[in-house]
């Protein structure tokens, strides 16, 4: 019976050693799981910070692009106003030039009409002068 007890004691000792080993492994596994969870938490926090930094950069870039767009839009509006003013000045100059040409043509027409009248008056004077000379010649002959 003693050998049976020794045999049982050996089995129980092995079981106790196995249970202690299992408990140690379970604790080690729990520590590893906890360390993994902490590492994953830190990694998630780091990723979140990186994404926040990237978002801030993107926001700043969008703000800069928006400001640049507004500046370019203002310049475009200014140029459009300037172009419209230049077009108005061009149209006004063309209108003034047209009026000047019209006035010039009217003046030339009046000059031509006046020359015709002057020529007709000169012919009338020449004719009257001839008639006067004939009348004087007739008077002298009488």
C-alpha atoms as a PDB file:
ATOM      1  CA  UNK A   1       0.000   0.000   0.000  1.00  0.00           C
ATOM      2  CA  UNK A   2       2.833   2.322   0.646  1.00  0.00           C
ATOM      3  CA  UNK A   3       4.065   1.908  -2.879  1.00  0.00           C
ATOM      4  CA  UNK A   4       0.629   2.797  -4.085  1.00  0.00           C
ATOM      5  CA  UNK A   5       0.657   5.903  -1.916  1.00  0.00           C
ATOM      6  CA  UNK A   6       4.089   6.859  -3.226  1.00  0.00           C
ATOM      7  CA  UNK A   7       2.860   6.325  -6.741  1.00  0.00           C
ATOM      8  CA  UNK A   8      -0.213   8.491  -6.077  1.00  0.00           C
ATOM      9  CA  UNK A   9       1.981  11.105  -4.447  1.00  0.00           C
ATOM     10  CA  UNK A  10       4.225  11.172  -7.526  1.00  0.00           C
ATOM     11  CA  UNK A  11       1.188  11.550  -9.786  1.00  0.00           C
ATOM     12  CA  UNK A  12      -0.210  14.296  -7.567  1.00  0.00           C
ATOM     13  CA  UNK A  13       3.180  16.018  -7.492  1.00  0.00           C
ATOM     14  CA  UNK A  14       3.321  15.879 -11.315  1.00  0.00           C
ATOM     15  CA  UNK A  15      -0.242  17.213 -11.523  1.00  0.00           C
ATOM     16  CA  UNK A  16       0.619  20.001  -9.060  1.00  0.00           C
ATOM     17  CA  UNK A  17       3.727  20.868 -11.110  1.00  0.00           C
ATOM     18  CA  UNK A  18       1.653  20.839 -14.286  1.00  0.00           C
ATOM     19  CA  UNK A  19      -0.985  23.036 -12.638  1.00  0.00           C
ATOM     20  CA  UNK A  20       1.697  25.488 -11.474  1.00  0.00           C
ATOM     21  CA  UNK A  21       3.217  25.482 -14.962  1.00  0.00           C
ATOM     22  CA  UNK A  22      -0.241  26.043 -16.458  1.00  0.00           C
ATOM     23  CA  UNK A  23      -0.868  28.908 -14.016  1.00  0.00           C
ATOM     24  CA  UNK A  24       2.508  30.480 -14.906  1.00  0.00           C
ATOM     25  CA  UNK A  25       1.727  30.157 -18.610  1.00  0.00           C
ATOM     26  CA  UNK A  26      -1.755  31.611 -18.074  1.00  0.00           C
ATOM     27  CA  UNK A  27      -0.249  34.603 -16.246  1.00  0.00           C
ATOM     28  CA  UNK A  28       2.383  35.008 -18.966  1.00  0.00           C
ATOM     29  CA  UNK A  29      -0.353  34.833 -21.598  1.00  0.00           C
ATOM     30  CA  UNK A  30      -2.397  37.451 -19.719  1.00  0.00           C
ATOM     31  CA  UNK A  31       0.685  39.702 -19.504  1.00  0.00           C
ATOM     32  CA  UNK A  32       1.359  39.238 -23.222  1.00  0.00           C
ATOM     33  CA  UNK A  33      -2.288  40.020 -24.048  1.00  0.00           C
ATOM     34  CA  UNK A  34      -2.152  43.109 -21.835  1.00  0.00           C
ATOM     35  CA  UNK A  35       1.126  44.271 -23.419  1.00  0.00           C
ATOM     36  CA  UNK A  36      -0.349  43.637 -26.888  1.00  0.00           C
ATOM     37  CA  UNK A  37      -3.463  45.643 -25.982  1.00  0.00           C
ATOM     38  CA  UNK A  38      -1.300  48.500 -24.652  1.00  0.00           C
ATOM     39  CA  UNK A  39       0.858  48.399 -27.788  1.00  0.00           C
ATOM     40  CA  UNK A  40      -2.240  48.419 -29.996  1.00  0.00           C
ATOM     41  CA  UNK A  41      -3.627  51.327 -27.972  1.00  0.00           C
ATOM     42  CA  UNK A  42      -0.403  53.310 -28.394  1.00  0.00           C
ATOM     43  CA  UNK A  43      -0.318  52.453 -32.086  1.00  0.00           C
ATOM     44  CA  UNK A  44      -3.956  53.571 -32.497  1.00  0.00           C
ATOM     45  CA  UNK A  45      -3.171  56.796 -30.602  1.00  0.00           C
ATOM     46  CA  UNK A  46      -0.135  57.413 -32.833  1.00  0.00           C
ATOM     47  CA  UNK A  47      -2.212  56.750 -35.951  1.00  0.00           C
ATOM     48  CA  UNK A  48      -4.878  59.131 -34.672  1.00  0.00           C
ATOM     49  CA  UNK A  49      -2.258  61.848 -34.065  1.00  0.00           C
ATOM     50  CA  UNK A  50      -0.802  61.325 -37.543  1.00  0.00           C
ATOM     51  CA  UNK A  51      -4.278  61.594 -39.066  1.00  0.00           C
ATOM     52  CA  UNK A  52      -5.004  64.736 -37.027  1.00  0.00           C
ATOM     53  CA  UNK A  53      -1.735  66.293 -38.214  1.00  0.00           C
ATOM     54  CA  UNK A  54      -2.539  65.332 -41.817  1.00  0.00           C
ATOM     55  CA  UNK A  55      -6.044  66.782 -41.420  1.00  0.00           C
ATOM     56  CA  UNK A  56      -4.633  70.043 -40.037  1.00  0.00           C
ATOM     57  CA  UNK A  57      -2.182  70.234 -42.951  1.00  0.00           C
ATOM     58  CA  UNK A  58      -4.991  69.602 -45.405  1.00  0.00           C
ATOM     59  CA  UNK A  59      -7.131  72.257 -43.723  1.00  0.00           C
ATOM     60  CA  UNK A  60      -4.246  74.737 -43.902  1.00  0.00           C
ATOM     61  CA  UNK A  61      -3.636  73.899 -47.557  1.00  0.00           C
ATOM     62  CA  UNK A  62      -7.328  74.315 -48.346  1.00  0.00           C
ATOM     63  CA  UNK A  63      -7.317  77.669 -46.532  1.00  0.00           C
ATOM     64  CA  UNK A  64      -4.240  78.783 -48.476  1.00  0.00           C
ATOM     65  CA  UNK A  65      -5.766  77.635 -51.761  1.00  0.00           C
ATOM     66  CA  UNK A  66      -9.034  79.390 -50.900  1.00  0.00           C
ATOM     67  CA  UNK A  67      -7.142  82.622 -50.164  1.00  0.00           C
ATOM     68  CA  UNK A  68      -5.208  82.227 -53.417  1.00  0.00           C
ATOM     69  CA  UNK A  69      -8.463  81.615 -55.279  1.00  0.00           C
ATOM     70  CA  UNK A  70     -10.034  84.713 -53.740  1.00  0.00           C
ATOM     71  CA  UNK A  71      -6.982  86.788 -54.703  1.00  0.00           C
ATOM     72  CA  UNK A  72      -7.045  85.464 -58.263  1.00  0.00           C
ATOM     73  CA  UNK A  73     -10.798  86.032 -58.476  1.00  0.00           C
ATOM     74  CA  UNK A  74     -10.345  89.643 -57.355  1.00  0.00           C
ATOM     75  CA  UNK A  75      -7.600  90.116 -59.959  1.00  0.00           C
ATOM     76  CA  UNK A  76      -9.814  88.566 -62.628  1.00  0.00           C
ATOM     77  CA  UNK A  77     -12.687  90.871 -61.689  1.00  0.00           C
ATOM     78  CA  UNK A  78     -10.333  93.863 -61.804  1.00  0.00           C
ATOM     79  CA  UNK A  79      -9.033  92.800 -65.222  1.00  0.00           C
ATOM     80  CA  UNK A  80     -12.565  92.281 -66.513  1.00  0.00           C
ATOM     81  CA  UNK A  81     -13.513  95.779 -65.344  1.00  0.00           C
ATOM     82  CA  UNK A  82     -10.370  97.178 -66.973  1.00  0.00           C
ATOM     83  CA  UNK A  83     -11.116  95.340 -70.224  1.00  0.00           C
ATOM     84  CA  UNK A  84     -14.681  96.666 -70.182  1.00  0.00           C
ATOM     85  CA  UNK A  85     -13.393 100.192 -69.612  1.00  0.00           C
ATOM     86  CA  UNK A  86     -10.850  99.806 -72.431  1.00  0.00           C
ATOM     87  CA  UNK A  87     -13.599  98.505 -74.725  1.00  0.00           C
ATOM     88  CA  UNK A  88     -15.790 101.484 -73.804  1.00  0.00           C
ATOM     89  CA  UNK A  89     -12.893 103.869 -74.516  1.00  0.00           C
ATOM     90  CA  UNK A  90     -12.228 102.112 -77.829  1.00  0.00           C
ATOM     91  CA  UNK A  91     -15.896 102.315 -78.795  1.00  0.00           C
ATOM     92  CA  UNK A  92     -15.989 105.977 -77.744  1.00  0.00           C
ATOM     93  CA  UNK A  93     -12.840 106.703 -79.800  1.00  0.00           C
ATOM     94  CA  UNK A  94     -14.348 104.907 -82.816  1.00  0.00           C
ATOM     95  CA  UNK A  95     -17.539 106.916 -82.425  1.00  0.00           C
ATOM     96  CA  UNK A  96     -15.549 110.169 -82.178  1.00  0.00           C
ATOM     97  CA  UNK A  97     -13.520 109.148 -85.237  1.00  0.00           C
ATOM     98  CA  UNK A  98     -16.722 108.378 -87.151  1.00  0.00           C
ATOM     99  CA  UNK A  99     -18.174 111.757 -86.141  1.00  0.00           C
ATOM    100  CA  UNK A 100     -14.939 113.452 -87.214  1.00  0.00           C
ATOM    101  CA  UNK A 101     -15.013 111.686 -90.599  1.00  0.00           C
ATOM    102  CA  UNK A 102     -18.659 112.628 -91.047  1.00  0.00           C
ATOM    103  CA  UNK A 103     -17.892 116.240 -90.178  1.00  0.00           C
ATOM    104  CA  UNK A 104     -14.919 116.193 -92.569  1.00  0.00           C
ATOM    105  CA  UNK A 105     -17.101 114.819 -95.394  1.00  0.00           C
ATOM    106  CA  UNK A 106     -19.767 117.452 -94.681  1.00  0.00           C
ATOM    107  CA  UNK A 107     -17.108 120.175 -94.719  1.00  0.00           C
ATOM    108  CA  UNK A 108     -15.728 118.874 -98.021  1.00  0.00           C
ATOM    109  CA  UNK A 109     -19.236 118.825 -99.451  1.00  0.00           C
ATOM    110  CA  UNK A 110     -19.832 122.399 -98.276  1.00  0.00           C
ATOM    111  CA  UNK A 111     -16.455 123.439 -99.713  1.00  0.00           C
ATOM    112  CA  UNK A 112     -17.328 121.800-103.022  1.00  0.00           C
ATOM    113  CA  UNK A 113     -20.749 123.511-103.043  1.00  0.00           C
ATOM    114  CA  UNK A 114     -19.148 126.847-102.144  1.00  0.00           C
ATOM    115  CA  UNK A 115     -16.561 126.403-104.919  1.00  0.00           C
ATOM    116  CA  UNK A 116     -19.376 125.669-107.369  1.00  0.00           C
ATOM    117  CA  UNK A 117     -21.227 128.769-106.224  1.00  0.00           C
ATOM    118  CA  UNK A 118     -18.019 130.804-106.461  1.00  0.00           C
ATOM    119  CA  UNK A 119     -17.406 129.469-109.943  1.00  0.00           C
ATOM    120  CA  UNK A 120     -20.991 130.276-110.959  1.00  0.00           C
ATOM    121  CA  UNK A 121     -20.665 133.752-109.404  1.00  0.00           C
ATOM    122  CA  UNK A 122     -17.360 134.258-111.228  1.00  0.00           C
ATOM    123  CA  UNK A 123     -19.032 133.269-114.501  1.00  0.00           C
ATOM    124  CA  UNK A 124     -21.918 135.626-113.737  1.00  0.00           C
ATOM    125  CA  UNK A 125     -19.430 138.412-112.960  1.00  0.00           C
ATOM    126  CA  UNK A 126     -17.547 137.656-116.163  1.00  0.00           C
ATOM    127  CA  UNK A 127     -20.828 137.706-118.063  1.00  0.00           C
ATOM    128  CA  UNK A 128     -21.889 140.937-116.341  1.00  0.00           C
ATOM    129  CA  UNK A 129     -18.500 142.441-117.003  1.00  0.00           C
ATOM    130  CA  UNK A 130     -18.823 141.522-120.656  1.00  0.00           C
ATOM    131  CA  UNK A 131     -22.311 143.026-120.746  1.00  0.00           C
ATOM    132  CA  UNK A 132     -20.986 146.178-119.068  1.00  0.00           C
ATOM    133  CA  UNK A 133     -18.200 146.442-121.611  1.00  0.00           C
ATOM    134  CA  UNK A 134     -20.725 146.024-124.415  1.00  0.00           C
ATOM    135  CA  UNK A 135     -22.964 148.599-122.783  1.00  0.00           C
ATOM    136  CA  UNK A 136     -20.020 150.989-122.371  1.00  0.00           C
ATOM    137  CA  UNK A 137     -19.032 150.335-125.991  1.00  0.00           C
ATOM    138  CA  UNK A 138     -22.561 151.022-127.119  1.00  0.00           C
ATOM    139  CA  UNK A 139     -22.693 154.168-125.012  1.00  0.00           C
ATOM    140  CA  UNK A 140     -19.409 155.368-126.426  1.00  0.00           C
ATOM    141  CA  UNK A 141     -20.561 154.687-129.915  1.00  0.00           C
ATOM    142  CA  UNK A 142     -23.633 156.751-129.380  1.00  0.00           C
END
